């Protein structure tokens, strides 16, 4: 974590606040702020890992298969009354 911090104000559910305080009391977090900081950074890390996996898989996708799948999805969308933009 960074040594530079920025103060913000958040409103959380009581159960979340209680849990953060329990983490501090148990010595598993330095402070309530540290507990919330760790949680949001963990979420950020999971999202970035998920995007990286998605990009890696997309890089290895078979273009012909993707085109067939998109055509099928477009057909289903049109059948349900949705407009499908050309080239999408």
PDB file of N, CA and C in Angstrom:
ATOM      1  N   UNK A   1       0.834  -1.178   0.000  1.00  0.00           N
ATOM      2  CA  UNK A   1       0.000   0.000   0.000  1.00  0.00           C
ATOM      3  C   UNK A   1       0.878   1.241   0.000  1.00  0.00           C
ATOM      4  N   UNK A   2       0.324   2.285  -0.485  1.00  0.00           N
ATOM      5  CA  UNK A   2       1.046   3.543  -0.602  1.00  0.00           C
ATOM      6  C   UNK A   2       1.172   4.230   0.757  1.00  0.00           C
ATOM      7  N   UNK A   3       2.260   4.971   0.926  1.00  0.00           N
ATOM      8  CA  UNK A   3       2.423   5.777   2.138  1.00  0.00           C
ATOM      9  C   UNK A   3       1.595   7.051   2.057  1.00  0.00           C
ATOM     10  N   UNK A   4       1.267   7.460   0.842  1.00  0.00           N
ATOM     11  CA  UNK A   4       0.466   8.666   0.645  1.00  0.00           C
ATOM     12  C   UNK A   4      -1.003   8.267   0.705  1.00  0.00           C
ATOM     13  N   UNK A   5      -1.740   8.921   1.557  1.00  0.00           N
ATOM     14  CA  UNK A   5      -3.162   8.611   1.723  1.00  0.00           C
ATOM     15  C   UNK A   5      -3.994   9.847   1.416  1.00  0.00           C
ATOM     16  N   UNK A   6      -5.210   9.616   0.982  1.00  0.00           N
ATOM     17  CA  UNK A   6      -6.161  10.698   0.749  1.00  0.00           C
ATOM     18  C   UNK A   6      -7.386  10.425   1.596  1.00  0.00           C
ATOM     19  N   UNK A   7      -7.815  11.406   2.326  1.00  0.00           N
ATOM     20  CA  UNK A   7      -8.973  11.255   3.202  1.00  0.00           C
ATOM     21  C   UNK A   7     -10.254  11.329   2.377  1.00  0.00           C
ATOM     22  N   UNK A   8     -11.135  10.348   2.606  1.00  0.00           N
ATOM     23  CA  UNK A   8     -12.469  10.361   2.008  1.00  0.00           C
ATOM     24  C   UNK A   8     -13.464  10.012   3.106  1.00  0.00           C
ATOM     25  N   UNK A   9     -14.705  10.285   2.855  1.00  0.00           N
ATOM     26  CA  UNK A   9     -15.763   9.919   3.788  1.00  0.00           C
ATOM     27  C   UNK A   9     -16.657   8.908   3.098  1.00  0.00           C
ATOM     28  N   UNK A  10     -16.914   7.785   3.770  1.00  0.00           N
ATOM     29  CA  UNK A  10     -17.795   6.770   3.201  1.00  0.00           C
ATOM     30  C   UNK A  10     -18.862   6.402   4.217  1.00  0.00           C
ATOM     31  N   UNK A  11     -19.954   5.896   3.714  1.00  0.00           N
ATOM     32  CA  UNK A  11     -21.024   5.384   4.558  1.00  0.00           C
ATOM     33  C   UNK A  11     -21.147   3.903   4.243  1.00  0.00           C
ATOM     34  N   UNK A  12     -21.092   3.075   5.277  1.00  0.00           N
ATOM     35  CA  UNK A  12     -21.114   1.628   5.068  1.00  0.00           C
ATOM     36  C   UNK A  12     -22.209   0.996   5.920  1.00  0.00           C
ATOM     37  N   UNK A  13     -22.564  -0.216   5.546  1.00  0.00           N
ATOM     38  CA  UNK A  13     -23.529  -0.972   6.336  1.00  0.00           C
ATOM     39  C   UNK A  13     -22.949  -1.247   7.720  1.00  0.00           C
ATOM     40  N   UNK A  14     -23.801  -1.279   8.726  1.00  0.00           N
ATOM     41  CA  UNK A  14     -23.310  -1.548  10.083  1.00  0.00           C
ATOM     42  C   UNK A  14     -22.525  -2.853  10.192  1.00  0.00           C
ATOM     43  N   UNK A  15     -22.958  -3.880   9.489  1.00  0.00           N
ATOM     44  CA  UNK A  15     -22.256  -5.159   9.567  1.00  0.00           C
ATOM     45  C   UNK A  15     -20.838  -5.037   9.001  1.00  0.00           C
ATOM     46  N   UNK A  16     -20.663  -4.225   7.962  1.00  0.00           N
ATOM     47  CA  UNK A  16     -19.330  -4.017   7.394  1.00  0.00           C
ATOM     48  C   UNK A  16     -18.449  -3.251   8.375  1.00  0.00           C
ATOM     49  N   UNK A  17     -19.010  -2.235   8.996  1.00  0.00           N
ATOM     50  CA  UNK A  17     -18.251  -1.463   9.983  1.00  0.00           C
ATOM     51  C   UNK A  17     -17.871  -2.336  11.172  1.00  0.00           C
ATOM     52  N   UNK A  18     -18.817  -3.146  11.640  1.00  0.00           N
ATOM     53  CA  UNK A  18     -18.535  -4.041  12.770  1.00  0.00           C
ATOM     54  C   UNK A  18     -17.415  -5.017  12.427  1.00  0.00           C
ATOM     55  N   UNK A  19     -17.467  -5.562  11.219  1.00  0.00           N
ATOM     56  CA  UNK A  19     -16.444  -6.522  10.817  1.00  0.00           C
ATOM     57  C   UNK A  19     -15.074  -5.853  10.735  1.00  0.00           C
ATOM     58  N   UNK A  20     -15.029  -4.666  10.166  1.00  0.00           N
ATOM     59  CA  UNK A  20     -13.756  -3.939  10.079  1.00  0.00           C
ATOM     60  C   UNK A  20     -13.197  -3.690  11.477  1.00  0.00           C
ATOM     61  N   UNK A  21     -14.056  -3.327  12.401  1.00  0.00           N
ATOM     62  CA  UNK A  21     -13.615  -3.103  13.780  1.00  0.00           C
ATOM     63  C   UNK A  21     -13.138  -4.401  14.426  1.00  0.00           C
ATOM     64  N   UNK A  22     -13.789  -5.516  14.098  1.00  0.00           N
ATOM     65  CA  UNK A  22     -13.350  -6.822  14.613  1.00  0.00           C
ATOM     66  C   UNK A  22     -11.967  -7.181  14.073  1.00  0.00           C
ATOM     67  N   UNK A  23     -11.724  -6.864  12.807  1.00  0.00           N
ATOM     68  CA  UNK A  23     -10.409  -7.130  12.223  1.00  0.00           C
ATOM     69  C   UNK A  23      -9.324  -6.353  12.961  1.00  0.00           C
ATOM     70  N   UNK A  24      -9.630  -5.113  13.293  1.00  0.00           N
ATOM     71  CA  UNK A  24      -8.672  -4.288  14.033  1.00  0.00           C
ATOM     72  C   UNK A  24      -8.456  -4.865  15.430  1.00  0.00           C
ATOM     73  N   UNK A  25      -9.540  -5.204  16.107  1.00  0.00           N
ATOM     74  CA  UNK A  25      -9.437  -5.741  17.467  1.00  0.00           C
ATOM     75  C   UNK A  25      -8.651  -7.052  17.495  1.00  0.00           C
ATOM     76  N   UNK A  26      -8.772  -7.844  16.433  1.00  0.00           N
ATOM     77  CA  UNK A  26      -8.076  -9.129  16.366  1.00  0.00           C
ATOM     78  C   UNK A  26      -6.643  -8.978  15.859  1.00  0.00           C
ATOM     79  N   UNK A  27      -6.261  -7.755  15.515  1.00  0.00           N
ATOM     80  CA  UNK A  27      -4.914  -7.525  15.013  1.00  0.00           C
ATOM     81  C   UNK A  27      -4.723  -7.920  13.561  1.00  0.00           C
ATOM     82  N   UNK A  28      -5.820  -8.130  12.846  1.00  0.00           N
ATOM     83  CA  UNK A  28      -5.733  -8.535  11.439  1.00  0.00           C
ATOM     84  C   UNK A  28      -5.745  -7.336  10.498  1.00  0.00           C
ATOM     85  N   UNK A  29      -5.958  -6.143  11.041  1.00  0.00           N
ATOM     86  CA  UNK A  29      -5.877  -4.896  10.278  1.00  0.00           C
ATOM     87  C   UNK A  29      -5.364  -3.820  11.223  1.00  0.00           C
ATOM     88  N   UNK A  30      -4.576  -2.906  10.679  1.00  0.00           N
ATOM     89  CA  UNK A  30      -4.022  -1.834  11.512  1.00  0.00           C
ATOM     90  C   UNK A  30      -5.086  -0.839  11.948  1.00  0.00           C
ATOM     91  N   UNK A  31      -6.077  -0.647  11.072  1.00  0.00           N
ATOM     92  CA  UNK A  31      -7.137   0.317  11.351  1.00  0.00           C
ATOM     93  C   UNK A  31      -8.346  -0.033  10.498  1.00  0.00           C
ATOM     94  N   UNK A  32      -9.461   0.606  10.804  1.00  0.00           N
ATOM     95  CA  UNK A  32     -10.661   0.416   9.988  1.00  0.00           C
ATOM     96  C   UNK A  32     -10.372   0.881   8.562  1.00  0.00           C
ATOM     97  N   UNK A  33      -9.680   1.996   8.436  1.00  0.00           N
ATOM     98  CA  UNK A  33      -9.319   2.486   7.102  1.00  0.00           C
ATOM     99  C   UNK A  33      -8.483   1.458   6.356  1.00  0.00           C
ATOM    100  N   UNK A  34      -7.534   0.845   7.046  1.00  0.00           N
ATOM    101  CA  UNK A  34      -6.684  -0.164   6.408  1.00  0.00           C
ATOM    102  C   UNK A  34      -7.508  -1.368   5.962  1.00  0.00           C
ATOM    103  N   UNK A  35      -8.501  -1.745   6.745  1.00  0.00           N
ATOM    104  CA  UNK A  35      -9.359  -2.879   6.384  1.00  0.00           C
ATOM    105  C   UNK A  35     -10.134  -2.580   5.104  1.00  0.00           C
ATOM    106  N   UNK A  36     -10.726  -1.393   5.025  1.00  0.00           N
ATOM    107  CA  UNK A  36     -11.471  -1.031   3.821  1.00  0.00           C
ATOM    108  C   UNK A  36     -10.536  -0.848   2.632  1.00  0.00           C
ATOM    109  N   UNK A  37      -9.364  -0.284   2.870  1.00  0.00           N
ATOM    110  CA  UNK A  37      -8.380  -0.102   1.807  1.00  0.00           C
ATOM    111  C   UNK A  37      -7.970  -1.458   1.229  1.00  0.00           C
ATOM    112  N   UNK A  38      -7.693  -2.419   2.106  1.00  0.00           N
ATOM    113  CA  UNK A  38      -7.300  -3.752   1.654  1.00  0.00           C
ATOM    114  C   UNK A  38      -8.422  -4.405   0.848  1.00  0.00           C
ATOM    115  N   UNK A  39      -9.651  -4.220   1.293  1.00  0.00           N
ATOM    116  CA  UNK A  39     -10.790  -4.827   0.598  1.00  0.00           C
ATOM    117  C   UNK A  39     -10.958  -4.247  -0.802  1.00  0.00           C
ATOM    118  N   UNK A  40     -10.847  -2.939  -0.942  1.00  0.00           N
ATOM    119  CA  UNK A  40     -11.053  -2.332  -2.256  1.00  0.00           C
ATOM    120  C   UNK A  40      -9.893  -2.651  -3.188  1.00  0.00           C
ATOM    121  N   UNK A  41      -8.681  -2.741  -2.642  1.00  0.00           N
ATOM    122  CA  UNK A  41      -7.537  -3.120  -3.477  1.00  0.00           C
ATOM    123  C   UNK A  41      -7.626  -4.578  -3.915  1.00  0.00           C
ATOM    124  N   UNK A  42      -8.165  -5.438  -3.057  1.00  0.00           N
ATOM    125  CA  UNK A  42      -8.358  -6.843  -3.433  1.00  0.00           C
ATOM    126  C   UNK A  42      -9.378  -6.945  -4.564  1.00  0.00           C
ATOM    127  N   UNK A  43     -10.431  -6.158  -4.482  1.00  0.00           N
ATOM    128  CA  UNK A  43     -11.436  -6.161  -5.556  1.00  0.00           C
ATOM    129  C   UNK A  43     -10.820  -5.663  -6.855  1.00  0.00           C
ATOM    130  N   UNK A  44     -10.042  -4.597  -6.767  1.00  0.00           N
ATOM    131  CA  UNK A  44      -9.375  -4.052  -7.953  1.00  0.00           C
ATOM    132  C   UNK A  44      -8.466  -5.104  -8.574  1.00  0.00           C
ATOM    133  N   UNK A  45      -7.711  -5.818  -7.746  1.00  0.00           N
ATOM    134  CA  UNK A  45      -6.799  -6.853  -8.228  1.00  0.00           C
ATOM    135  C   UNK A  45      -7.577  -7.974  -8.937  1.00  0.00           C
ATOM    136  N   UNK A  46      -8.694  -8.410  -8.347  1.00  0.00           N
ATOM    137  CA  UNK A  46      -9.514  -9.464  -8.978  1.00  0.00           C
ATOM    138  C   UNK A  46     -10.048  -9.009 -10.331  1.00  0.00           C
ATOM    139  N   UNK A  47     -10.515  -7.766 -10.395  1.00  0.00           N
ATOM    140  CA  UNK A  47     -11.055  -7.260 -11.656  1.00  0.00           C
ATOM    141  C   UNK A  47      -9.968  -7.165 -12.721  1.00  0.00           C
ATOM    142  N   UNK A  48      -8.787  -6.707 -12.337  1.00  0.00           N
ATOM    143  CA  UNK A  48      -7.683  -6.607 -13.296  1.00  0.00           C
ATOM    144  C   UNK A  48      -7.245  -7.990 -13.768  1.00  0.00           C
ATOM    145  N   UNK A  49      -7.209  -8.956 -12.857  1.00  0.00           N
ATOM    146  CA  UNK A  49      -6.847 -10.320 -13.246  1.00  0.00           C
ATOM    147  C   UNK A  49      -7.886 -10.900 -14.196  1.00  0.00           C
ATOM    148  N   UNK A  50      -9.148 -10.645 -13.920  1.00  0.00           N
ATOM    149  CA  UNK A  50     -10.212 -11.127 -14.799  1.00  0.00           C
ATOM    150  C   UNK A  50     -10.109 -10.529 -16.189  1.00  0.00           C
ATOM    151  N   UNK A  51      -9.837  -9.234 -16.256  1.00  0.00           N
ATOM    152  CA  UNK A  51      -9.680  -8.583 -17.559  1.00  0.00           C
ATOM    153  C   UNK A  51      -8.467  -9.125 -18.302  1.00  0.00           C
ATOM    154  N   UNK A  52      -7.387  -9.377 -17.579  1.00  0.00           N
ATOM    155  CA  UNK A  52      -6.184  -9.918 -18.217  1.00  0.00           C
ATOM    156  C   UNK A  52      -6.468 -11.300 -18.802  1.00  0.00           C
ATOM    157  N   UNK A  53      -7.195 -12.131 -18.061  1.00  0.00           N
ATOM    158  CA  UNK A  53      -7.548 -13.457 -18.573  1.00  0.00           C
ATOM    159  C   UNK A  53      -8.449 -13.355 -19.795  1.00  0.00           C
ATOM    160  N   UNK A  54      -9.400 -12.432 -19.743  1.00  0.00           N
ATOM    161  CA  UNK A  54     -10.305 -12.234 -20.873  1.00  0.00           C
ATOM    162  C   UNK A  54      -9.540 -11.777 -22.111  1.00  0.00           C
ATOM    163  N   UNK A  55      -8.625 -10.836 -21.923  1.00  0.00           N
ATOM    164  CA  UNK A  55      -7.827 -10.350 -23.058  1.00  0.00           C
ATOM    165  C   UNK A  55      -6.942 -11.454 -23.629  1.00  0.00           C
ATOM    166  N   UNK A  56      -6.372 -12.268 -22.752  1.00  0.00           N
ATOM    167  CA  UNK A  56      -5.528 -13.370 -23.215  1.00  0.00           C
ATOM    168  C   UNK A  56      -6.346 -14.361 -24.036  1.00  0.00           C
ATOM    169  N   UNK A  57      -7.518 -14.673 -23.544  1.00  0.00           N
ATOM    170  CA  UNK A  57      -8.378 -15.612 -24.275  1.00  0.00           C
ATOM    171  C   UNK A  57      -8.830 -15.018 -25.607  1.00  0.00           C
ATOM    172  N   UNK A  58      -9.155 -13.735 -25.606  1.00  0.00           N
ATOM    173  CA  UNK A  58      -9.587 -13.076 -26.840  1.00  0.00           C
ATOM    174  C   UNK A  58      -8.468 -13.058 -27.877  1.00  0.00           C
ATOM    175  N   UNK A  59      -7.237 -12.934 -27.414  1.00  0.00           N
ATOM    176  CA  UNK A  59      -6.102 -12.904 -28.339  1.00  0.00           C
ATOM    177  C   UNK A  59      -5.934 -14.235 -29.068  1.00  0.00           C
ATOM    178  N   UNK A  60      -6.437 -15.310 -28.477  1.00  0.00           N
ATOM    179  CA  UNK A  60      -6.304 -16.631 -29.083  1.00  0.00           C
ATOM    180  C   UNK A  60      -7.607 -17.120 -29.726  1.00  0.00           C
ATOM    181  N   UNK A  61      -8.573 -16.240 -29.843  1.00  0.00           N
ATOM    182  CA  UNK A  61      -9.874 -16.635 -30.388  1.00  0.00           C
ATOM    183  C   UNK A  61      -9.779 -16.900 -31.887  1.00  0.00           C
ATOM    184  N   UNK A  62     -10.575 -17.846 -32.338  1.00  0.00           N
ATOM    185  CA  UNK A  62     -10.666 -18.172 -33.764  1.00  0.00           C
ATOM    186  C   UNK A  62     -11.599 -17.151 -34.418  1.00  0.00           C
ATOM    187  N   UNK A  63     -11.076 -16.288 -35.294  1.00  0.00           N
ATOM    188  CA  UNK A  63     -11.906 -15.231 -35.891  1.00  0.00           C
ATOM    189  C   UNK A  63     -13.143 -15.764 -36.615  1.00  0.00           C
ATOM    190  N   UNK A  64     -13.022 -16.900 -37.270  1.00  0.00           N
ATOM    191  CA  UNK A  64     -14.176 -17.459 -37.988  1.00  0.00           C
ATOM    192  C   UNK A  64     -15.261 -17.883 -37.000  1.00  0.00           C
ATOM    193  N   UNK A  65     -14.849 -18.483 -35.902  1.00  0.00           N
ATOM    194  CA  UNK A  65     -15.826 -18.902 -34.894  1.00  0.00           C
ATOM    195  C   UNK A  65     -16.496 -17.686 -34.261  1.00  0.00           C
ATOM    196  N   UNK A  66     -15.713 -16.663 -33.985  1.00  0.00           N
ATOM    197  CA  UNK A  66     -16.272 -15.436 -33.415  1.00  0.00           C
ATOM    198  C   UNK A  66     -17.299 -14.840 -34.368  1.00  0.00           C
ATOM    199  N   UNK A  67     -16.986 -14.817 -35.655  1.00  0.00           N
ATOM    200  CA  UNK A  67     -17.917 -14.270 -36.649  1.00  0.00           C
ATOM    201  C   UNK A  67     -19.217 -15.070 -36.677  1.00  0.00           C
ATOM    202  N   UNK A  68     -19.116 -16.402 -36.612  1.00  0.00           N
ATOM    203  CA  UNK A  68     -20.327 -17.240 -36.594  1.00  0.00           C
ATOM    204  C   UNK A  68     -21.156 -16.965 -35.344  1.00  0.00           C
ATOM    205  N   UNK A  69     -20.486 -16.847 -34.214  1.00  0.00           N
ATOM    206  CA  UNK A  69     -21.206 -16.595 -32.961  1.00  0.00           C
ATOM    207  C   UNK A  69     -21.898 -15.235 -32.994  1.00  0.00           C
ATOM    208  N   UNK A  70     -21.191 -14.227 -33.504  1.00  0.00           N
ATOM    209  CA  UNK A  70     -21.784 -12.886 -33.577  1.00  0.00           C
ATOM    210  C   UNK A  70     -22.989 -12.880 -34.511  1.00  0.00           C
ATOM    211  N   UNK A  71     -22.881 -13.592 -35.633  1.00  0.00           N
ATOM    212  CA  UNK A  71     -24.006 -13.659 -36.573  1.00  0.00           C
ATOM    213  C   UNK A  71     -25.210 -14.315 -35.911  1.00  0.00           C
ATOM    214  N   UNK A  72     -24.963 -15.353 -35.139  1.00  0.00           N
ATOM    215  CA  UNK A  72     -26.053 -16.043 -34.442  1.00  0.00           C
ATOM    216  C   UNK A  72     -26.695 -15.129 -33.395  1.00  0.00           C
ATOM    217  N   UNK A  73     -25.874 -14.426 -32.651  1.00  0.00           N
ATOM    218  CA  UNK A  73     -26.390 -13.496 -31.640  1.00  0.00           C
ATOM    219  C   UNK A  73     -27.190 -12.379 -32.304  1.00  0.00           C
ATOM    220  N   UNK A  74     -26.664 -11.852 -33.409  1.00  0.00           N
ATOM    221  CA  UNK A  74     -27.386 -10.806 -34.138  1.00  0.00           C
ATOM    222  C   UNK A  74     -28.741 -11.315 -34.619  1.00  0.00           C
ATOM    223  N   UNK A  75     -28.768 -12.553 -35.112  1.00  0.00           N
ATOM    224  CA  UNK A  75     -30.019 -13.148 -35.583  1.00  0.00           C
ATOM    225  C   UNK A  75     -31.022 -13.255 -34.432  1.00  0.00           C
ATOM    226  N   UNK A  76     -30.556 -13.697 -33.278  1.00  0.00           N
ATOM    227  CA  UNK A  76     -31.432 -13.808 -32.114  1.00  0.00           C
ATOM    228  C   UNK A  76     -31.940 -12.430 -31.683  1.00  0.00           C
ATOM    229  N   UNK A  77     -31.066 -11.442 -31.704  1.00  0.00           N
ATOM    230  CA  UNK A  77     -31.460 -10.088 -31.304  1.00  0.00           C
ATOM    231  C   UNK A  77     -32.522  -9.539 -32.244  1.00  0.00           C
ATOM    232  N   UNK A  78     -32.315  -9.720 -33.540  1.00  0.00           N
ATOM    233  CA  UNK A  78     -33.309  -9.243 -34.512  1.00  0.00           C
ATOM    234  C   UNK A  78     -34.651  -9.946 -34.311  1.00  0.00           C
ATOM    235  N   UNK A  79     -34.610 -11.242 -34.018  1.00  0.00           N
ATOM    236  CA  UNK A  79     -35.843 -12.009 -33.803  1.00  0.00           C
ATOM    237  C   UNK A  79     -36.621 -11.485 -32.595  1.00  0.00           C
ATOM    238  N   UNK A  80     -35.915 -10.883 -31.659  1.00  0.00           N
ATOM    239  CA  UNK A  80     -36.561 -10.319 -30.470  1.00  0.00           C
ATOM    240  C   UNK A  80     -36.917  -8.849 -30.657  1.00  0.00           C
ATOM    241  N   UNK A  81     -36.673  -8.323 -31.860  1.00  0.00           N
ATOM    242  CA  UNK A  81     -37.059  -6.948 -32.160  1.00  0.00           C
ATOM    243  C   UNK A  81     -35.992  -5.906 -31.881  1.00  0.00           C
ATOM    244  N   UNK A  82     -34.776  -6.339 -31.585  1.00  0.00           N
ATOM    245  CA  UNK A  82     -33.696  -5.387 -31.344  1.00  0.00           C
ATOM    246  C   UNK A  82     -33.059  -4.984 -32.661  1.00  0.00           C
ATOM    247  N   UNK A  83     -32.611  -3.751 -32.724  1.00  0.00           N
ATOM    248  CA  UNK A  83     -31.861  -3.309 -33.888  1.00  0.00           C
ATOM    249  C   UNK A  83     -30.401  -3.679 -33.675  1.00  0.00           C
ATOM    250  N   UNK A  84     -29.791  -4.170 -34.725  1.00  0.00           N
ATOM    251  CA  UNK A  84     -28.384  -4.550 -34.655  1.00  0.00           C
ATOM    252  C   UNK A  84     -27.628  -3.642 -35.606  1.00  0.00           C
ATOM    253  N   UNK A  85     -26.641  -2.944 -35.072  1.00  0.00           N
ATOM    254  CA  UNK A  85     -25.859  -2.025 -35.894  1.00  0.00           C
ATOM    255  C   UNK A  85     -24.986  -2.813 -36.861  1.00  0.00           C
ATOM    256  N   UNK A  86     -24.839  -2.292 -38.047  1.00  0.00           N
ATOM    257  CA  UNK A  86     -23.983  -2.932 -39.045  1.00  0.00           C
ATOM    258  C   UNK A  86     -22.541  -2.900 -38.562  1.00  0.00           C
ATOM    259  N   UNK A  87     -21.857  -4.011 -38.744  1.00  0.00           N
ATOM    260  CA  UNK A  87     -20.454  -4.070 -38.355  1.00  0.00           C
ATOM    261  C   UNK A  87     -20.233  -4.356 -36.887  1.00  0.00           C
ATOM    262  N   UNK A  88     -21.291  -4.573 -36.153  1.00  0.00           N
ATOM    263  CA  UNK A  88     -21.132  -4.896 -34.726  1.00  0.00           C
ATOM    264  C   UNK A  88     -21.512  -6.324 -34.480  1.00  0.00           C
TER     265      UNK A  88
END
